[in-house]
Amino acid sequence: SKPGIPCNCPLAVNTWPMLGTLFLSFAALLAQVSFGASEGDVATVSHSAEVAQLRLEIAQLRQLLDATATASHALERRLLGEPPKSPMPSGALTKLSVDNVMQSTNDQFQEDYKDLKGAMDSLWLILCGAMVMFMHPGFAMLETGCSRAKNAQSVLFKNLLNVTVASLAWYIFGFAFAYGGPFEDNGTYLYNGFIGAKGFAGHAFLKEDDTGNMAISPGTSTMLTWFFQWAFCTAAATIVSGAVAQRVKSPAYAIYAFLMAGFIYPVVVAWTWNNGWIMKVTNVGYMDFAGSGVVHLTGGIGALTGAFILGPRINWHPDDPAFHPHNVPLVVLGTFILWFGWYGFNCGSTLGLHDAGTGALAAQVAMNTTVAASTGGIIVFLIRYAKIRKYDVVAMCNGILGGLVSITAGCGNVETGSALVIGLIGGIVFLGSATLVEKMDVDDPVDASSVHGSCGIWGLFAAALFDWGKGTYHFHGWNGFTCMKEDDGTCRTWIGGRAFGVNFAMALCIITWVGFLSTLAFWGLKVSGLLRVEPEKEKKGADESSHSPSKAYNFSS
């Protein structure tokens, strides 16, 4: 053994005394055979018995030496940090015995790999989920900066209210409706195709084993799915808060946020990401990698509906400087925070990071996200500059966000050159939509309906149109780097048109579902008198009339 390291080999303890005893016995026997036989003191038959005994002792000595060498080598490998050798069967090695050992070793390796894979995927999704959650400070800064100073604290409060209320709604109802079973016999598709019905309030997330302890299976857990998808749910709900800011009552918004996170959004998820009815249409499925439709279009339609039913702010006009963003630095800060969080949003939608394939896909998604955001911001900046001959920083921020929303659906199945075009068109779509919304006299202080709604629709179309399959011949979709395949392993052909049709149909379904339920919710709150703050309080500002302290900014202290 190495200096300073004790040998733990039990065979080595008694080896050397036994060797000495055997050596003395062997020498005595040789002397007796050499000299005693000549003197005739020992009979020949006695000599034969002693020789046989000597041979037996020599054989035992050889076994001891082999065992000692084996233990010594094993100890040396352990001290050097080398992996232990696979146990081999004793005796003659037959093909069957070798196969059994190899199968046992492979089974153990697969079990260890599954456990390691689960740990890596869990780490990845917890990190990305936390990044998505960090988008809420981005929303808060952006919305506050775009609002009037007298309502800044009110806007911040509604962002906090959204996260807390929506989290409880997701825990109690939302996750079960979105990702609960039951599923069909093959375990792939949602049984009723419409809504889940298991997992309310975290039921059966953990199970006890026979000893009463919590049983943890290899791989990822239901709690991991709950956390990562919770971040997406609350993001969809908070999109609405900016569109109704500065004139909606806080209790009314809390009610809507609970409804959005607990029912409206989860049903859309059940149709799509939980393999509901839309995934069976034309046997192609709905392609929305990270949520241009599921998250952003859902939030955008809720924002448009709420802003329309709520009505514009008192004396609002889009060209009135009094209603322009009061704090551009907050808008820019919020935009950068959202851009940062978007990498968790899009890259995390690989749903794992345990091999070279998922690592490469996550990197491709990150690159596509970066390029689309950049082109979206630049094109909006250039168009606004050509129109007003001044630098419009807020418009550029919204162009960046429009590019991000546009690439979210197709970030995992398009090339980077396509991402550039998608982001560029996304910026143009945002500008056109924002202009149209203003002409409809809809007061959307943060342009949430245009950034998330209109660009969300474009993102769904782009994911099908720009798929990186071989021309229009192959379609990759959810398969990432490889084509969608037939049962015999060959690439499916000419299905891009069907994929576009499915995404188009799903956009219409989301608009109808979210628009109808949001209309019921906001209209019901309006009729009951719970929706909008009183005119006097609105003119004074929500901070002074409803909050303590009465000012978000106190520059005199």
Protein backbone atom coordinates (compact mmCIF):
# COMPACT_ATOMS: atom_id res chain seq x y z
CA SER A 1 0.00 0.00 0.00
CA LYS A 2 0.93 3.68 -0.33
CA PRO A 3 2.95 5.32 2.50
CA GLY A 4 0.70 6.58 5.24
CA ILE A 5 -2.33 4.62 3.95
CA PRO A 6 -3.23 1.46 5.89
CA CYS A 7 -3.98 -1.66 3.94
CA ASN A 8 -7.53 -2.86 4.54
CA CYS A 9 -6.90 -6.24 2.90
CA PRO A 10 -7.84 -9.00 5.40
CA LEU A 11 -5.76 -11.61 3.54
CA ALA A 12 -2.56 -9.68 3.99
CA VAL A 13 -2.70 -9.89 7.78
CA ASN A 14 -1.94 -13.64 8.09
CA THR A 15 -0.08 -14.25 4.83
CA TRP A 16 3.53 -13.82 5.93
CA PRO A 17 3.41 -15.96 9.14
CA MET A 18 1.75 -18.73 7.16
CA LEU A 19 4.41 -18.49 4.46
CA GLY A 20 7.13 -18.85 7.09
CA THR A 21 5.46 -21.92 8.63
CA LEU A 22 5.08 -23.58 5.26
CA PHE A 23 8.70 -22.84 4.38
CA LEU A 24 10.00 -24.46 7.61
CA SER A 25 7.77 -27.50 7.06
CA PHE A 26 9.01 -27.85 3.53
CA ALA A 27 12.70 -27.67 4.64
CA ALA A 28 12.19 -30.21 7.42
CA LEU A 29 10.44 -32.59 5.07
CA LEU A 30 13.24 -32.35 2.51
CA ALA A 31 15.82 -33.15 5.20
CA GLN A 32 13.79 -36.08 6.40
CA VAL A 33 13.34 -37.47 2.90
CA SER A 34 17.05 -37.00 2.03
CA PHE A 35 18.62 -38.43 5.14
CA GLY A 36 16.00 -40.50 6.87
CA ALA A 37 15.33 -42.77 3.92
CA SER A 38 18.94 -43.74 3.66
CA GLU A 39 19.00 -44.73 7.28
CA GLY A 40 15.85 -46.79 6.95
CA ASP A 41 14.08 -45.00 9.86
CA VAL A 42 10.95 -44.11 7.83
CA ALA A 43 9.01 -46.44 5.68
CA THR A 44 8.48 -45.71 1.99
CA VAL A 45 4.74 -45.52 2.46
CA SER A 46 5.25 -42.78 5.06
CA HIS A 47 7.37 -40.79 2.58
CA SER A 48 4.59 -40.95 -0.02
CA ALA A 49 2.01 -39.66 2.48
CA GLU A 50 4.22 -36.75 3.45
CA VAL A 51 4.87 -35.82 -0.20
CA ALA A 52 1.11 -35.76 -0.81
CA GLN A 53 0.64 -33.53 2.23
CA LEU A 54 3.38 -31.23 0.95
CA ARG A 55 1.68 -30.90 -2.44
CA LEU A 56 -1.60 -29.99 -0.74
CA GLU A 57 0.08 -27.30 1.33
CA ILE A 58 1.82 -25.91 -1.79
CA ALA A 59 -1.57 -25.68 -3.56
CA GLN A 60 -3.02 -23.82 -0.56
CA LEU A 61 -0.04 -21.49 -0.65
CA ARG A 62 -0.68 -20.70 -4.31
CA GLN A 63 -4.33 -19.86 -3.55
CA LEU A 64 -3.23 -17.54 -0.75
CA LEU A 65 -0.73 -15.81 -3.04
CA ASP A 66 -3.38 -15.32 -5.78
CA ALA A 67 -5.91 -13.97 -3.30
CA THR A 68 -3.34 -11.61 -1.82
CA ALA A 69 -2.36 -10.28 -5.25
CA THR A 70 -6.00 -9.75 -6.24
CA ALA A 71 -6.76 -7.85 -3.03
CA SER A 72 -3.60 -5.78 -3.41
CA HIS A 73 -4.50 -4.78 -6.97
CA ALA A 74 -8.05 -3.88 -5.96
CA LEU A 75 -6.75 -1.69 -3.14
CA GLU A 76 -4.30 0.01 -5.49
CA ARG A 77 -7.07 0.78 -8.02
CA ARG A 78 -9.24 2.19 -5.26
CA LEU A 79 -6.45 4.43 -3.99
CA LEU A 80 -5.72 5.66 -7.52
CA GLY A 81 -9.41 6.44 -8.11
CA GLU A 82 -9.88 3.91 -10.91
CA PRO A 83 -13.33 2.36 -11.40
CA PRO A 84 -13.67 -1.20 -10.11
CA LYS A 85 -13.60 -4.00 -12.60
CA SER A 86 -16.80 -5.86 -13.35
CA PRO A 87 -17.16 -8.96 -11.18
CA MET A 88 -16.39 -12.07 -13.13
CA PRO A 89 -17.77 -15.52 -12.30
CA SER A 90 -15.42 -17.97 -10.66
CA GLY A 91 -14.43 -21.13 -12.36
CA ALA A 92 -14.52 -21.76 -16.06
CA LEU A 93 -15.85 -18.79 -18.10
CA THR A 94 -18.72 -19.81 -20.32
CA LYS A 95 -20.48 -17.54 -22.85
CA LEU A 96 -23.60 -17.61 -20.71
CA SER A 97 -21.77 -16.50 -17.58
CA VAL A 98 -20.02 -13.65 -19.42
CA ASP A 99 -23.33 -12.51 -20.95
CA ASN A 100 -24.95 -12.49 -17.53
CA VAL A 101 -22.18 -10.36 -16.07
CA MET A 102 -22.31 -7.93 -19.00
CA GLN A 103 -26.11 -7.64 -18.75
CA SER A 104 -25.91 -6.99 -15.02
CA THR A 105 -23.27 -4.32 -15.56
CA ASN A 106 -25.32 -2.68 -18.33
CA ASP A 107 -28.48 -2.65 -16.20
CA GLN A 108 -26.61 -0.95 -13.38
CA PHE A 109 -25.14 1.60 -15.81
CA GLN A 110 -28.58 2.40 -17.25
CA GLU A 111 -30.01 2.89 -13.77
CA ASP A 112 -27.15 5.20 -12.79
CA TYR A 113 -27.45 7.12 -16.08
CA LYS A 114 -31.18 7.60 -15.61
CA ASP A 115 -30.58 8.96 -12.15
CA LEU A 116 -27.85 11.33 -13.37
CA LYS A 117 -29.98 12.40 -16.32
CA GLY A 118 -32.84 13.24 -13.96
CA ALA A 119 -30.55 15.33 -11.78
CA MET A 120 -29.15 17.26 -14.77
CA ASP A 121 -32.61 17.91 -16.23
CA SER A 122 -33.90 19.02 -12.82
CA LEU A 123 -31.03 21.46 -12.41
CA TRP A 124 -31.61 22.85 -15.91
CA LEU A 125 -35.35 23.37 -15.52
CA ILE A 126 -35.11 24.87 -12.03
CA LEU A 127 -32.54 27.36 -13.32
CA CYS A 128 -34.58 28.22 -16.42
CA GLY A 129 -37.81 28.41 -14.40
CA ALA A 130 -36.15 30.87 -12.03
CA MET A 131 -35.05 32.95 -15.04
CA VAL A 132 -38.62 33.02 -16.34
CA MET A 133 -39.82 34.07 -12.89
CA PHE A 134 -37.27 36.90 -13.03
CA MET A 135 -39.19 38.26 -16.02
CA HIS A 136 -41.75 39.62 -13.54
CA PRO A 137 -39.41 42.41 -12.39
CA GLY A 138 -39.00 43.14 -16.09
CA PHE A 139 -42.75 43.39 -16.61
CA ALA A 140 -43.03 45.53 -13.48
CA MET A 141 -40.32 47.99 -14.59
CA LEU A 142 -41.61 48.18 -18.16
CA GLU A 143 -45.23 48.74 -17.18
CA THR A 144 -44.35 51.26 -14.48
CA GLY A 145 -42.16 53.26 -16.83
CA CYS A 146 -44.88 53.34 -19.49
CA SER A 147 -47.52 54.56 -17.02
CA ARG A 148 -48.04 57.99 -15.49
CA ALA A 149 -46.00 58.79 -12.40
CA LYS A 150 -49.10 59.19 -10.21
CA ASN A 151 -49.97 55.51 -10.83
CA ALA A 152 -46.51 53.95 -10.53
CA GLN A 153 -47.09 52.29 -7.16
CA SER A 154 -50.46 50.95 -8.31
CA VAL A 155 -48.86 49.27 -11.33
CA LEU A 156 -46.17 47.69 -9.15
CA PHE A 157 -48.81 46.42 -6.73
CA LYS A 158 -50.78 44.70 -9.50
CA ASN A 159 -47.64 42.91 -10.65
CA LEU A 160 -47.10 41.58 -7.14
CA LEU A 161 -50.79 40.70 -6.90
CA ASN A 162 -50.63 38.87 -10.20
CA VAL A 163 -47.74 36.59 -9.18
CA THR A 164 -49.13 35.70 -5.76
CA VAL A 165 -52.77 35.16 -6.78
CA ALA A 166 -51.87 33.35 -10.01
CA SER A 167 -49.49 31.06 -8.10
CA LEU A 168 -52.27 29.93 -5.77
CA ALA A 169 -54.65 29.45 -8.70
CA TRP A 170 -52.04 27.33 -10.50
CA TYR A 171 -51.46 25.25 -7.36
CA ILE A 172 -55.13 24.62 -6.58
CA PHE A 173 -56.64 24.22 -10.06
CA GLY A 174 -54.37 25.25 -12.91
CA PHE A 175 -51.80 22.46 -12.97
CA ALA A 176 -54.45 19.74 -12.75
CA PHE A 177 -56.47 21.25 -15.60
CA ALA A 178 -53.32 21.73 -17.71
CA TYR A 179 -51.22 18.61 -17.09
CA GLY A 180 -53.39 16.21 -15.14
CA GLY A 181 -54.64 12.96 -16.65
CA PRO A 182 -56.16 10.61 -17.31
CA PHE A 183 -54.49 9.64 -20.57
CA GLU A 184 -55.36 7.09 -23.21
CA ASP A 185 -54.11 3.52 -22.90
CA ASN A 186 -50.92 4.30 -24.82
CA GLY A 187 -50.14 7.04 -22.30
CA THR A 188 -49.62 9.67 -25.00
CA TYR A 189 -52.83 11.63 -25.53
CA LEU A 190 -55.13 13.29 -22.99
CA TYR A 191 -58.13 10.98 -22.52
CA ASN A 192 -60.91 13.52 -23.10
CA GLY A 193 -58.72 15.77 -25.26
CA PHE A 194 -59.99 18.91 -23.53
CA ILE A 195 -58.93 19.23 -19.89
CA GLY A 196 -56.99 17.39 -17.18
CA ALA A 197 -58.62 16.13 -14.00
CA LYS A 198 -55.83 14.97 -11.67
CA GLY A 199 -53.29 16.67 -9.43
CA PHE A 200 -55.39 19.36 -7.73
CA ALA A 201 -53.49 21.16 -4.96
CA GLY A 202 -50.45 18.92 -5.48
CA HIS A 203 -52.36 15.71 -4.80
CA ALA A 204 -50.30 12.53 -5.29
CA PHE A 205 -47.17 14.43 -6.31
CA LEU A 206 -45.33 12.33 -3.69
CA LYS A 207 -46.06 8.74 -2.74
CA GLU A 208 -45.05 6.67 0.27
CA ASP A 209 -43.17 3.39 0.01
CA ASP A 210 -43.82 0.31 2.16
CA THR A 211 -41.80 1.77 5.04
CA GLY A 212 -43.74 5.04 5.14
CA ASN A 213 -40.96 7.10 3.55
CA MET A 214 -41.39 9.22 0.44
CA ALA A 215 -40.52 7.23 -2.67
CA ILE A 216 -38.42 9.07 -5.24
CA SER A 217 -38.25 7.47 -8.67
CA PRO A 218 -35.31 7.92 -11.04
CA GLY A 219 -35.76 10.73 -13.57
CA THR A 220 -37.58 14.03 -13.10
CA SER A 221 -40.44 14.67 -10.70
CA THR A 222 -43.94 16.09 -10.99
CA MET A 223 -42.85 18.93 -8.72
CA LEU A 224 -40.29 19.95 -11.34
CA THR A 225 -42.96 20.14 -14.05
CA TRP A 226 -45.21 22.11 -11.71
CA PHE A 227 -42.50 24.70 -11.00
CA PHE A 228 -41.30 25.22 -14.56
CA GLN A 229 -44.80 25.46 -16.01
CA TRP A 230 -45.92 27.72 -13.14
CA ALA A 231 -43.43 30.32 -14.35
CA PHE A 232 -45.04 30.25 -17.82
CA CYS A 233 -48.54 30.49 -16.37
CA THR A 234 -47.86 33.58 -14.29
CA ALA A 235 -46.13 35.21 -17.28
CA ALA A 236 -49.26 34.75 -19.39
CA ALA A 237 -51.40 36.30 -16.65
CA THR A 238 -49.18 39.32 -16.08
CA ILE A 239 -49.32 40.34 -19.76
CA VAL A 240 -52.87 41.56 -19.11
CA SER A 241 -51.90 43.81 -16.21
CA GLY A 242 -50.09 46.35 -18.38
CA ALA A 243 -53.02 46.82 -20.77
CA VAL A 244 -55.52 47.62 -17.99
CA ALA A 245 -53.09 49.61 -15.85
CA GLN A 246 -53.96 52.90 -14.14
CA ARG A 247 -57.75 52.50 -14.15
CA VAL A 248 -58.68 48.95 -13.08
CA LYS A 249 -59.51 48.18 -9.45
CA SER A 250 -57.04 45.89 -7.74
CA PRO A 251 -59.66 43.36 -6.46
CA ALA A 252 -61.11 43.11 -9.96
CA TYR A 253 -57.70 42.39 -11.44
CA ALA A 254 -57.02 39.79 -8.74
CA ILE A 255 -60.24 37.99 -9.70
CA TYR A 256 -59.26 37.98 -13.37
CA ALA A 257 -55.70 36.83 -12.63
CA PHE A 258 -57.08 33.90 -10.62
CA LEU A 259 -59.42 32.97 -13.48
CA MET A 260 -56.67 33.27 -16.10
CA ALA A 261 -54.14 31.16 -14.16
CA GLY A 262 -56.67 28.70 -12.78
CA PHE A 263 -58.76 27.94 -15.86
CA ILE A 264 -58.39 29.98 -19.09
CA TYR A 265 -54.67 29.41 -19.63
CA PRO A 266 -54.57 25.80 -18.32
CA VAL A 267 -57.20 24.65 -20.82
CA VAL A 268 -55.12 26.04 -23.70
CA VAL A 269 -52.14 24.11 -22.32
CA ALA A 270 -54.21 20.91 -22.07
CA TRP A 271 -55.18 21.19 -25.75
CA THR A 272 -51.59 21.66 -26.87
CA TRP A 273 -48.62 20.85 -24.65
CA ASN A 274 -50.48 18.10 -22.79
CA ASN A 275 -51.30 16.32 -26.05
CA GLY A 276 -54.96 17.28 -26.23
CA TRP A 277 -57.26 17.19 -29.24
CA ILE A 278 -55.20 19.55 -31.45
CA MET A 279 -52.21 17.19 -31.39
CA LYS A 280 -54.22 14.56 -33.26
CA VAL A 281 -55.29 16.86 -36.07
CA THR A 282 -53.88 15.68 -39.43
CA ASN A 283 -51.45 13.50 -37.45
CA VAL A 284 -48.91 16.35 -37.51
CA GLY A 285 -49.57 18.18 -34.26
CA TYR A 286 -49.32 21.78 -33.15
CA MET A 287 -45.85 23.33 -33.31
CA ASP A 288 -45.26 25.95 -30.61
CA PHE A 289 -41.88 25.31 -29.03
CA ALA A 290 -42.00 27.83 -26.18
CA GLY A 291 -45.37 29.54 -26.36
CA SER A 292 -45.96 32.24 -29.00
CA GLY A 293 -49.54 31.00 -29.03
CA VAL A 294 -49.99 29.15 -25.75
CA VAL A 295 -48.53 31.92 -23.57
CA HIS A 296 -48.28 35.18 -25.52
CA LEU A 297 -51.35 35.04 -27.72
CA THR A 298 -53.37 33.94 -24.69
CA GLY A 299 -52.11 36.90 -22.67
CA GLY A 300 -52.39 39.28 -25.61
CA ILE A 301 -56.05 38.48 -26.28
CA GLY A 302 -56.83 38.86 -22.59
CA ALA A 303 -55.07 42.24 -22.66
CA LEU A 304 -56.98 43.45 -25.73
CA THR A 305 -60.32 42.32 -24.30
CA GLY A 306 -59.68 43.94 -20.94
CA ALA A 307 -58.50 47.25 -22.42
CA PHE A 308 -61.48 47.39 -24.79
CA ILE A 309 -64.15 46.70 -22.13
CA LEU A 310 -62.45 48.88 -19.52
CA GLY A 311 -62.23 51.84 -21.88
CA PRO A 312 -59.47 54.45 -22.22
CA ARG A 313 -58.08 56.58 -19.44
CA ILE A 314 -59.86 59.88 -18.81
CA ASN A 315 -58.86 62.47 -21.46
CA TRP A 316 -56.52 59.95 -23.09
CA HIS A 317 -55.10 60.67 -26.51
CA PRO A 318 -52.08 58.86 -27.96
CA ASP A 319 -50.42 62.13 -29.00
CA ASP A 320 -50.85 63.81 -25.60
CA PRO A 321 -47.42 63.99 -23.86
CA ALA A 322 -49.17 63.64 -20.49
CA PHE A 323 -49.91 60.01 -21.34
CA HIS A 324 -46.47 59.17 -22.70
CA PRO A 325 -44.11 56.99 -20.61
CA HIS A 326 -42.95 58.94 -17.58
CA ASN A 327 -39.73 56.98 -16.95
CA VAL A 328 -37.84 55.75 -20.00
CA PRO A 329 -34.94 54.30 -17.96
CA LEU A 330 -37.40 51.92 -16.28
CA VAL A 331 -38.73 50.90 -19.69
CA VAL A 332 -35.23 50.08 -20.94
CA LEU A 333 -34.33 48.26 -17.73
CA GLY A 334 -37.51 46.22 -17.95
CA THR A 335 -36.79 45.34 -21.57
CA PHE A 336 -33.31 44.06 -20.79
CA ILE A 337 -34.61 42.01 -17.86
CA LEU A 338 -37.29 40.47 -20.07
CA TRP A 339 -34.74 39.72 -22.79
CA PHE A 340 -32.54 37.99 -20.22
CA GLY A 341 -35.46 35.97 -18.85
CA TRP A 342 -36.45 34.94 -22.36
CA TYR A 343 -33.43 32.64 -22.53
CA GLY A 344 -34.94 30.68 -19.67
CA PHE A 345 -38.28 30.82 -21.46
CA ASN A 346 -37.05 29.53 -24.83
CA CYS A 347 -33.92 27.52 -24.00
CA GLY A 348 -35.64 25.87 -21.04
CA SER A 349 -38.32 24.56 -23.37
CA THR A 350 -35.90 21.83 -24.44
CA LEU A 351 -37.20 20.37 -21.13
CA GLY A 352 -33.82 18.81 -20.44
CA LEU A 353 -30.06 19.14 -20.82
CA HIS A 354 -28.57 15.66 -20.47
CA ASP A 355 -26.77 14.94 -23.76
CA ALA A 356 -25.08 16.57 -26.73
CA GLY A 357 -28.34 16.74 -28.69
CA THR A 358 -30.29 18.72 -26.11
CA GLY A 359 -27.25 20.90 -25.49
CA ALA A 360 -26.92 21.75 -29.18
CA LEU A 361 -30.65 22.45 -29.46
CA ALA A 362 -30.58 24.77 -26.46
CA ALA A 363 -27.65 26.64 -28.02
CA GLN A 364 -29.49 26.93 -31.35
CA VAL A 365 -32.54 28.27 -29.52
CA ALA A 366 -30.41 30.85 -27.70
CA MET A 367 -28.84 32.04 -30.94
CA ASN A 368 -32.21 32.29 -32.71
CA THR A 369 -33.66 34.20 -29.76
CA THR A 370 -30.80 36.71 -29.80
CA VAL A 371 -30.93 37.39 -33.53
CA ALA A 372 -34.73 37.76 -33.70
CA ALA A 373 -34.78 40.20 -30.78
CA SER A 374 -32.06 42.30 -32.38
CA THR A 375 -33.66 42.54 -35.80
CA GLY A 376 -37.07 43.27 -34.31
CA GLY A 377 -35.68 46.20 -32.34
CA ILE A 378 -33.62 47.61 -35.21
CA ILE A 379 -36.42 47.54 -37.80
CA VAL A 380 -38.85 49.33 -35.47
CA PHE A 381 -36.22 51.93 -34.62
CA LEU A 382 -35.49 52.59 -38.30
CA ILE A 383 -39.15 52.86 -39.29
CA ARG A 384 -39.94 55.22 -36.41
CA TYR A 385 -36.89 57.34 -37.19
CA ALA A 386 -37.88 57.59 -40.84
CA LYS A 387 -41.33 58.77 -39.73
CA ILE A 388 -40.54 61.27 -36.95
CA ARG A 389 -36.81 61.95 -37.48
CA LYS A 390 -36.15 61.33 -33.81
CA TYR A 391 -34.92 58.38 -31.78
CA ASP A 392 -37.89 56.54 -30.25
CA VAL A 393 -36.35 54.44 -27.48
CA VAL A 394 -39.65 53.07 -26.16
CA ALA A 395 -40.69 51.91 -29.62
CA MET A 396 -37.36 50.16 -30.06
CA CYS A 397 -37.91 48.36 -26.75
CA ASN A 398 -41.28 47.13 -27.96
CA GLY A 399 -39.70 46.07 -31.25
CA ILE A 400 -37.21 43.92 -29.32
CA LEU A 401 -40.05 42.32 -27.39
CA GLY A 402 -42.02 41.80 -30.60
CA GLY A 403 -39.04 39.98 -32.12
CA LEU A 404 -38.78 37.80 -29.02
CA VAL A 405 -42.46 36.86 -29.10
CA SER A 406 -42.27 36.13 -32.83
CA ILE A 407 -39.39 33.63 -32.49
CA THR A 408 -40.76 31.88 -29.41
CA ALA A 409 -42.85 29.33 -31.33
CA GLY A 410 -40.21 28.40 -33.89
CA CYS A 411 -36.96 28.91 -31.97
CA GLY A 412 -36.36 25.14 -31.88
CA ASN A 413 -37.03 24.29 -35.54
CA VAL A 414 -35.69 27.17 -37.68
CA GLU A 415 -32.24 28.23 -38.85
CA THR A 416 -30.69 31.45 -37.62
CA GLY A 417 -31.12 33.16 -40.99
CA SER A 418 -34.82 32.43 -40.75
CA ALA A 419 -34.85 33.78 -37.20
CA LEU A 420 -33.48 37.06 -38.55
CA VAL A 421 -36.38 37.32 -41.01
CA ILE A 422 -38.92 36.27 -38.38
CA GLY A 423 -37.76 38.96 -35.98
CA LEU A 424 -37.72 41.59 -38.71
CA ILE A 425 -41.27 40.83 -39.80
CA GLY A 426 -42.27 40.63 -36.15
CA GLY A 427 -41.19 44.23 -35.63
CA ILE A 428 -43.24 45.34 -38.61
CA VAL A 429 -46.25 43.37 -37.35
CA PHE A 430 -45.96 45.12 -33.99
CA LEU A 431 -45.93 48.59 -35.54
CA GLY A 432 -48.90 47.83 -37.79
CA SER A 433 -50.90 46.34 -34.95
CA ALA A 434 -50.13 49.17 -32.51
CA THR A 435 -51.29 51.71 -35.08
CA LEU A 436 -54.51 49.78 -35.69
CA VAL A 437 -55.26 49.45 -31.97
CA GLU A 438 -54.86 53.22 -31.52
CA LYS A 439 -57.23 53.88 -34.41
CA MET A 440 -59.78 51.64 -32.67
CA ASP A 441 -59.50 53.99 -29.62
CA VAL A 442 -58.27 51.13 -27.45
CA ASP A 443 -56.00 52.48 -24.70
CA ASP A 444 -53.21 49.94 -24.18
CA PRO A 445 -50.47 51.81 -22.26
CA VAL A 446 -47.78 49.17 -22.88
CA ASP A 447 -48.95 47.88 -26.28
CA ALA A 448 -49.34 44.42 -24.75
CA SER A 449 -52.03 43.38 -27.22
CA SER A 450 -49.77 44.16 -30.17
CA VAL A 451 -46.48 42.85 -28.76
CA HIS A 452 -47.90 39.61 -27.39
CA GLY A 453 -51.12 39.12 -29.34
CA SER A 454 -50.30 40.10 -32.93
CA CYS A 455 -46.67 38.98 -32.79
CA GLY A 456 -47.85 35.75 -31.13
CA ILE A 457 -50.03 34.99 -34.16
CA TRP A 458 -47.15 35.76 -36.50
CA GLY A 459 -44.87 33.52 -34.45
CA LEU A 460 -47.25 30.56 -34.92
CA PHE A 461 -47.33 31.09 -38.66
CA ALA A 462 -43.55 31.51 -38.85
CA ALA A 463 -42.87 28.28 -36.95
CA ALA A 464 -44.58 26.33 -39.73
CA LEU A 465 -43.42 28.44 -42.68
CA PHE A 466 -39.72 28.57 -41.79
CA ASP A 467 -39.22 25.02 -40.49
CA TRP A 468 -35.69 23.90 -41.33
CA GLY A 469 -36.74 20.68 -43.04
CA LYS A 470 -35.36 19.97 -46.50
CA GLY A 471 -37.11 22.68 -48.50
CA THR A 472 -40.86 22.10 -48.25
CA TYR A 473 -40.31 18.37 -48.67
CA HIS A 474 -39.57 17.48 -45.05
CA PHE A 475 -40.89 18.93 -41.79
CA HIS A 476 -39.04 18.72 -38.47
CA GLY A 477 -41.33 20.41 -35.95
CA TRP A 478 -40.90 18.97 -32.46
CA ASN A 479 -38.18 16.57 -33.66
CA GLY A 480 -35.63 19.36 -33.68
CA PHE A 481 -32.64 18.42 -35.83
CA THR A 482 -34.31 15.43 -37.48
CA CYS A 483 -37.36 15.08 -39.71
CA MET A 484 -40.72 13.76 -38.58
CA LYS A 485 -40.76 10.09 -39.55
CA GLU A 486 -43.13 7.37 -40.65
CA ASP A 487 -43.47 4.14 -38.69
CA ASP A 488 -40.84 2.53 -40.93
CA GLY A 489 -38.28 5.21 -40.07
CA THR A 490 -38.40 7.15 -43.33
CA CYS A 491 -38.97 10.93 -43.34
CA ARG A 492 -42.52 12.09 -43.77
CA THR A 493 -42.98 14.26 -46.85
CA TRP A 494 -45.14 17.22 -47.84
CA ILE A 495 -46.66 17.80 -44.40
CA GLY A 496 -45.55 21.44 -43.96
CA GLY A 497 -48.85 22.70 -45.32
CA ARG A 498 -50.78 20.62 -42.83
CA ALA A 499 -48.55 21.90 -40.00
CA PHE A 500 -49.33 25.48 -41.02
CA GLY A 501 -53.03 24.66 -41.10
CA VAL A 502 -52.91 23.23 -37.58
CA ASN A 503 -51.12 26.32 -36.21
CA PHE A 504 -53.58 28.60 -38.02
CA ALA A 505 -56.53 26.69 -36.58
CA MET A 506 -55.04 26.79 -33.09
CA ALA A 507 -54.57 30.56 -33.29
CA LEU A 508 -58.28 30.93 -34.06
CA CYS A 509 -59.17 28.58 -31.18
CA ILE A 510 -57.06 30.53 -28.70
CA ILE A 511 -58.53 33.85 -29.83
CA THR A 512 -62.06 32.46 -29.50
CA TRP A 513 -61.55 30.70 -26.15
CA VAL A 514 -59.62 33.45 -24.39
CA GLY A 515 -61.64 36.26 -25.94
CA PHE A 516 -64.98 34.70 -24.95
CA LEU A 517 -64.07 33.90 -21.34
CA SER A 518 -62.21 37.21 -20.84
CA THR A 519 -65.23 39.07 -22.15
CA LEU A 520 -67.48 37.27 -19.67
CA ALA A 521 -65.09 38.02 -16.82
CA PHE A 522 -64.45 41.70 -17.57
CA TRP A 523 -68.04 42.41 -18.59
CA GLY A 524 -69.36 40.77 -15.43
CA LEU A 525 -67.00 42.85 -13.30
CA LYS A 526 -68.02 46.00 -15.15
CA VAL A 527 -71.74 45.38 -14.72
CA SER A 528 -71.24 44.72 -11.01
CA GLY A 529 -69.34 47.99 -10.60
CA LEU A 530 -66.16 46.25 -9.49
CA LEU A 531 -64.03 46.83 -12.59
CA ARG A 532 -62.99 50.48 -12.82
CA VAL A 533 -61.85 53.00 -10.23
CA GLU A 534 -63.99 56.08 -9.62
CA PRO A 535 -63.29 59.09 -11.90
CA GLU A 536 -62.19 61.28 -8.99
CA LYS A 537 -59.62 58.72 -7.85
CA GLU A 538 -58.42 58.17 -11.41
CA LYS A 539 -57.82 61.89 -11.92
CA LYS A 540 -56.02 62.17 -8.60
CA GLY A 541 -53.96 59.05 -9.28
CA ALA A 542 -54.22 55.58 -7.79
CA ASP A 543 -51.12 56.07 -5.63
CA GLU A 544 -52.52 59.01 -3.72
CA SER A 545 -56.08 57.73 -3.51
CA SER A 546 -55.45 54.06 -2.70
CA HIS A 547 -51.89 53.46 -1.51
CA SER A 548 -49.67 54.12 1.45
CA PRO A 549 -47.28 55.83 1.10
CA SER A 550 -49.14 58.05 -1.33
CA LYS A 551 -46.19 58.53 -3.70
CA ALA A 552 -43.95 56.04 -5.44
CA TYR A 553 -41.19 58.65 -5.70
CA ASN A 554 -40.17 60.85 -2.78
CA PHE A 555 -37.31 63.04 -3.97
CA SER A 556 -37.57 65.50 -1.07
CA SER A 557 -36.40 63.05 1.61
